[in-house]
Amino acid sequence: MLLTRAQKVGAVGTGLISISSMVHAHCPICALAVGAGAVAAQYYGMGIPAIGAFVGGTGVVMGVMVANRIPKEYMPHQKALIVGSSFILTALAMNALPPEPFMIPVLWGGDAGGLFNKVYWLDKAWVGIALGGFAALAANHVHGFIKKRAGRSLVPFQGVIATVLLIALTAGLLQWVIV
């Protein structure tokens, strides 16, 4: 029996919802959701920057998950090093893709070829990765701010919702602006 696309998405969603009650920490679910977002973005034909946003977010989310699991700080800035290492190692996988440069003309004045009168070339994937990583960090801070301000999470899986929503908004914005 062949399943349609909607049936496959429904089956995966049902599976994720059924295991969500077994897992009490939001980090494993968050990492799974953001990683699945990258696969879904590629499956539905979104551009490289949008996929990169999910890849960058996955790297940061996995780094935060691992850093929070280590009970003791063995060296200064341990959490930042773990998150940064996870981000870089996850993002390096995107180097296998052929580069897709785009230009940003900065023509504000000054000498030709100077800082404010030059055309900059950036890789679409790395822009998406950087903005996705930033969105994941921002979502973590937004979740912490809401939790601290209200004294508790306002909705179940608030951290997952904030992370996936912010990265998805970033991916959508990149899809609309860059591609």
Foldseek 3Di string as FASTA:
>chain_A
DDDDPVVVVVVVVVVLVVCVVVDQDLLVSLLVLLVVQLVVCVVVPFDLLLSLLSLLLSLQSVLQVVLVPDPDDPDPPVSVVSSVVSNVVSLVVCVVDDFDKDKDAQCPDDDCVDPRGDIDIDTSSVVSNVVSNVLNVVLVVVQVVVCVVVVHGPDPSSSSCSSSVSSNVSSVVSSVPPD
